[in-house]
Amino acid sequence: MFISDEKLVSQPGFQMLLKIITSECTKFEKRYNKCIKFHTFNQKMIREALTCIATELNARKNSGKIPAIVSAIKTNRVEHENQLVLSLVNIEEELSLRNFAEINNLAPPTLHINLYVLITADFNPSDYEESLDSISQVISFFHQKPVFTPQNTKMPGKYIEKFIVEFYNVDINTFALFCETVGVNNLPSVLYKIRLHYLPV
């Protein structure tokens, strides 16, 4: 039996179905908008993370007014600026913590990435002892505060959960070759593995 459009729309079942579809579309739109915001934040997450860590180093009590900056590795320069330089040398995803059940969702899964950051005491040769003090202070700082959360740090975005800073041990020959390649073989340096945990939307 044929039912006109007016009668179909007036059916209780149709009205219920329409409400369900409208509700699901609204949920989809909200999730999509959050997804867009999440991806927008991700476009600058590495820069924001390293800047946040540099800010924390600059705010430490025993900084001695030696600035910490985020910059490319200064290779084989004659003049130095007596500062701590944070340089990104590698990035990897922490697959062991990835929740593959989230992949089919519209919103991206929780993101876990590891940043390998070289911190170099970029000092003039005449200030070598001071450069040793500065790199020692960095090691002491991260030893006392290895975890950065919204509770103890002003985070760069609302989607970040925490940073975990770990001293990264490298074979001496491998590290010496790396330092020689990038031109920091005469500067006190330390390598850290920084685990970044981002919240799902």
Protein backbone atom coordinates (compact mmCIF):
# COMPACT_ATOMS: atom_id res chain seq x y z
CA MET A 1 0.00 0.00 0.00
CA PHE A 2 1.37 3.39 -1.02
CA ILE A 3 1.85 5.97 1.77
CA SER A 4 2.07 9.66 0.89
CA ASP A 5 5.02 11.79 2.06
CA GLU A 6 2.80 13.66 4.52
CA LYS A 7 1.56 10.45 6.13
CA LEU A 8 5.09 9.00 6.23
CA VAL A 9 6.47 12.07 8.01
CA SER A 10 3.63 11.95 10.51
CA GLN A 11 4.36 8.34 11.50
CA PRO A 12 5.77 8.03 15.09
CA GLY A 13 8.49 5.65 13.92
CA PHE A 14 9.66 8.07 11.26
CA GLN A 15 9.86 10.90 13.77
CA MET A 16 11.91 8.74 16.11
CA LEU A 17 14.26 7.77 13.27
CA LEU A 18 14.63 11.43 12.30
CA LYS A 19 15.58 12.34 15.86
CA ILE A 20 18.20 9.58 15.97
CA ILE A 21 19.72 10.68 12.65
CA THR A 22 19.78 14.33 13.75
CA SER A 23 21.44 13.38 17.04
CA GLU A 24 24.10 11.27 15.32
CA CYS A 25 24.83 14.04 12.81
CA THR A 26 25.31 16.51 15.67
CA LYS A 27 27.71 14.12 17.43
CA PHE A 28 29.61 13.60 14.18
CA GLU A 29 29.93 17.34 13.64
CA LYS A 30 31.28 17.89 17.16
CA ARG A 31 33.81 15.09 16.80
CA TYR A 32 34.88 16.40 13.40
CA ASN A 33 35.40 19.94 14.74
CA LYS A 34 37.47 18.60 17.64
CA CYS A 35 39.46 16.50 15.20
CA ILE A 36 40.29 19.59 13.13
CA LYS A 37 41.41 21.46 16.27
CA PHE A 38 43.55 18.49 17.30
CA HIS A 39 45.30 18.35 13.94
CA THR A 40 45.84 22.13 14.02
CA PHE A 41 47.61 21.77 17.36
CA ASN A 42 49.66 18.83 16.10
CA GLN A 43 51.11 21.01 13.35
CA LYS A 44 53.21 22.84 15.93
CA MET A 45 53.44 20.34 18.78
CA ILE A 46 57.19 19.66 18.47
CA ARG A 47 58.10 23.34 18.46
CA GLU A 48 55.77 24.00 21.39
CA ALA A 49 57.13 21.06 23.36
CA LEU A 50 60.79 22.06 22.96
CA THR A 51 60.00 25.71 23.68
CA CYS A 52 58.19 24.65 26.85
CA ILE A 53 61.22 22.66 28.01
CA ALA A 54 63.57 25.56 27.21
CA THR A 55 61.31 27.85 29.23
CA GLU A 56 61.49 25.44 32.16
CA LEU A 57 65.29 25.40 31.95
CA ASN A 58 65.38 29.20 31.91
CA ALA A 59 63.09 29.36 34.95
CA ARG A 60 65.20 27.05 37.12
CA LYS A 61 66.69 28.68 40.19
CA ASN A 62 70.33 27.88 39.44
CA SER A 63 70.26 28.92 35.78
CA GLY A 64 72.92 31.57 36.40
CA LYS A 65 71.33 33.72 33.69
CA ILE A 66 72.63 31.31 31.02
CA PRO A 67 69.84 31.23 28.42
CA ALA A 68 68.44 28.01 26.98
CA ILE A 69 67.22 28.31 23.40
CA VAL A 70 65.75 26.03 20.74
CA SER A 71 67.99 26.10 17.69
CA ALA A 72 69.71 23.99 15.06
CA ILE A 73 73.08 22.61 16.06
CA LYS A 74 75.79 25.23 15.74
CA THR A 75 78.41 23.55 13.60
CA ASN A 76 82.13 24.32 13.81
CA ARG A 77 81.84 28.00 14.72
CA VAL A 78 84.71 30.09 16.03
CA GLU A 79 82.51 32.42 18.10
CA HIS A 80 80.16 31.03 20.74
CA GLU A 81 77.38 32.74 22.68
CA ASN A 82 77.56 31.10 26.12
CA GLN A 83 74.14 29.49 26.02
CA LEU A 84 72.42 26.12 26.17
CA VAL A 85 71.14 24.98 22.79
CA LEU A 86 68.31 22.43 22.45
CA SER A 87 68.45 20.70 19.06
CA LEU A 88 66.11 18.02 17.74
CA VAL A 89 68.09 15.14 16.25
CA ASN A 90 65.46 12.42 15.78
CA ILE A 91 61.73 11.64 16.06
CA GLU A 92 59.98 8.30 16.46
CA GLU A 93 56.47 7.09 17.26
CA GLU A 94 56.08 4.96 20.40
CA LEU A 95 54.11 2.12 18.80
CA SER A 96 54.13 0.02 21.96
CA LEU A 97 51.67 2.48 23.55
CA ARG A 98 49.42 2.94 20.54
CA ASN A 99 45.79 1.88 20.89
CA PHE A 100 45.00 0.32 17.52
CA ALA A 101 41.32 0.01 18.50
CA GLU A 102 41.06 3.80 18.13
CA ILE A 103 42.21 3.87 14.50
CA ASN A 104 38.74 3.34 13.02
CA ASN A 105 37.32 6.28 14.95
CA LEU A 106 37.00 9.65 13.31
CA ALA A 107 39.07 11.33 16.01
CA PRO A 108 42.78 10.41 15.88
CA PRO A 109 44.13 7.91 18.40
CA THR A 110 46.20 9.01 21.36
CA LEU A 111 49.58 10.10 20.03
CA HIS A 112 52.82 9.02 21.68
CA ILE A 113 56.06 10.24 20.12
CA ASN A 114 59.65 10.30 21.27
CA LEU A 115 61.91 13.25 20.59
CA TYR A 116 65.66 12.85 20.80
CA VAL A 117 67.05 16.20 21.87
CA LEU A 118 70.70 17.14 22.12
CA ILE A 119 71.45 19.82 24.71
CA THR A 120 74.77 21.52 24.07
CA ALA A 121 76.65 24.01 26.23
CA ASP A 122 77.64 26.42 23.45
CA PHE A 123 80.40 28.35 25.29
CA ASN A 124 83.64 29.99 24.29
CA PRO A 125 86.73 27.83 24.98
CA SER A 126 87.87 30.28 27.67
CA ASP A 127 84.62 29.55 29.56
CA TYR A 128 84.92 25.77 29.35
CA GLU A 129 84.62 25.22 33.10
CA GLU A 130 81.43 27.27 33.15
CA SER A 131 80.06 25.17 30.29
CA LEU A 132 80.66 22.05 32.40
CA ASP A 133 78.74 23.64 35.26
CA SER A 134 75.84 24.50 32.95
CA ILE A 135 75.53 21.01 31.50
CA SER A 136 75.76 19.57 35.04
CA GLN A 137 72.89 21.83 36.10
CA VAL A 138 70.81 20.58 33.19
CA ILE A 139 71.40 16.97 34.22
CA SER A 140 70.54 17.79 37.82
CA PHE A 141 67.38 19.65 36.78
CA PHE A 142 65.96 16.77 34.74
CA HIS A 143 66.99 14.29 37.43
CA GLN A 144 64.88 16.19 39.95
CA LYS A 145 62.01 16.85 37.51
CA PRO A 146 61.79 14.09 34.91
CA VAL A 147 58.02 14.35 34.42
CA PHE A 148 56.20 17.48 33.26
CA THR A 149 52.42 17.60 33.67
CA PRO A 150 49.74 20.32 33.71
CA GLN A 151 49.96 20.11 37.50
CA ASN A 152 53.61 21.19 37.70
CA THR A 153 54.19 22.93 34.35
CA LYS A 154 52.42 25.44 32.14
CA MET A 155 51.75 23.23 29.12
CA PRO A 156 51.63 24.67 25.58
CA GLY A 157 48.21 23.20 24.73
CA LYS A 158 45.16 21.54 26.25
CA TYR A 159 45.71 18.27 24.35
CA ILE A 160 49.04 17.52 25.95
CA GLU A 161 49.09 15.04 28.82
CA LYS A 162 52.72 15.03 29.90
CA PHE A 163 56.41 15.03 28.97
CA ILE A 164 58.76 12.39 30.31
CA VAL A 165 62.44 13.30 30.02
CA GLU A 166 64.93 10.43 30.10
CA PHE A 167 68.71 10.48 29.99
CA TYR A 168 69.58 8.63 26.78
CA ASN A 169 72.73 6.54 26.88
CA VAL A 170 74.65 6.20 23.64
CA ASP A 171 77.73 4.12 22.95
CA ILE A 172 80.75 6.43 23.31
CA ASN A 173 82.06 5.67 19.82
CA THR A 174 78.65 6.26 18.24
CA PHE A 175 78.17 9.50 20.14
CA ALA A 176 81.70 10.70 19.31
CA LEU A 177 81.06 10.03 15.62
CA PHE A 178 77.73 11.84 15.79
CA CYS A 179 79.25 14.88 17.54
CA GLU A 180 82.09 15.01 15.03
CA THR A 181 79.62 14.80 12.14
CA VAL A 182 77.48 17.70 13.38
CA GLY A 183 80.45 19.71 14.61
CA VAL A 184 79.98 19.77 18.38
CA ASN A 185 82.78 17.40 19.32
CA ASN A 186 84.49 19.98 21.55
CA LEU A 187 81.35 21.13 23.37
CA PRO A 188 79.84 19.49 26.48
CA SER A 189 76.60 17.86 25.36
CA VAL A 190 73.96 15.50 26.68
CA LEU A 191 71.29 13.56 24.80
CA TYR A 192 67.74 13.13 26.13
CA LYS A 193 64.78 11.07 25.02
CA ILE A 194 61.60 13.06 25.58
CA ARG A 195 58.37 11.10 25.56
CA LEU A 196 55.39 13.22 24.55
CA HIS A 197 51.92 12.00 25.46
CA TYR A 198 48.97 13.66 23.74
CA LEU A 199 45.37 13.16 24.70
CA PRO A 200 42.76 11.90 22.23
CA VAL A 201 40.02 14.35 21.24
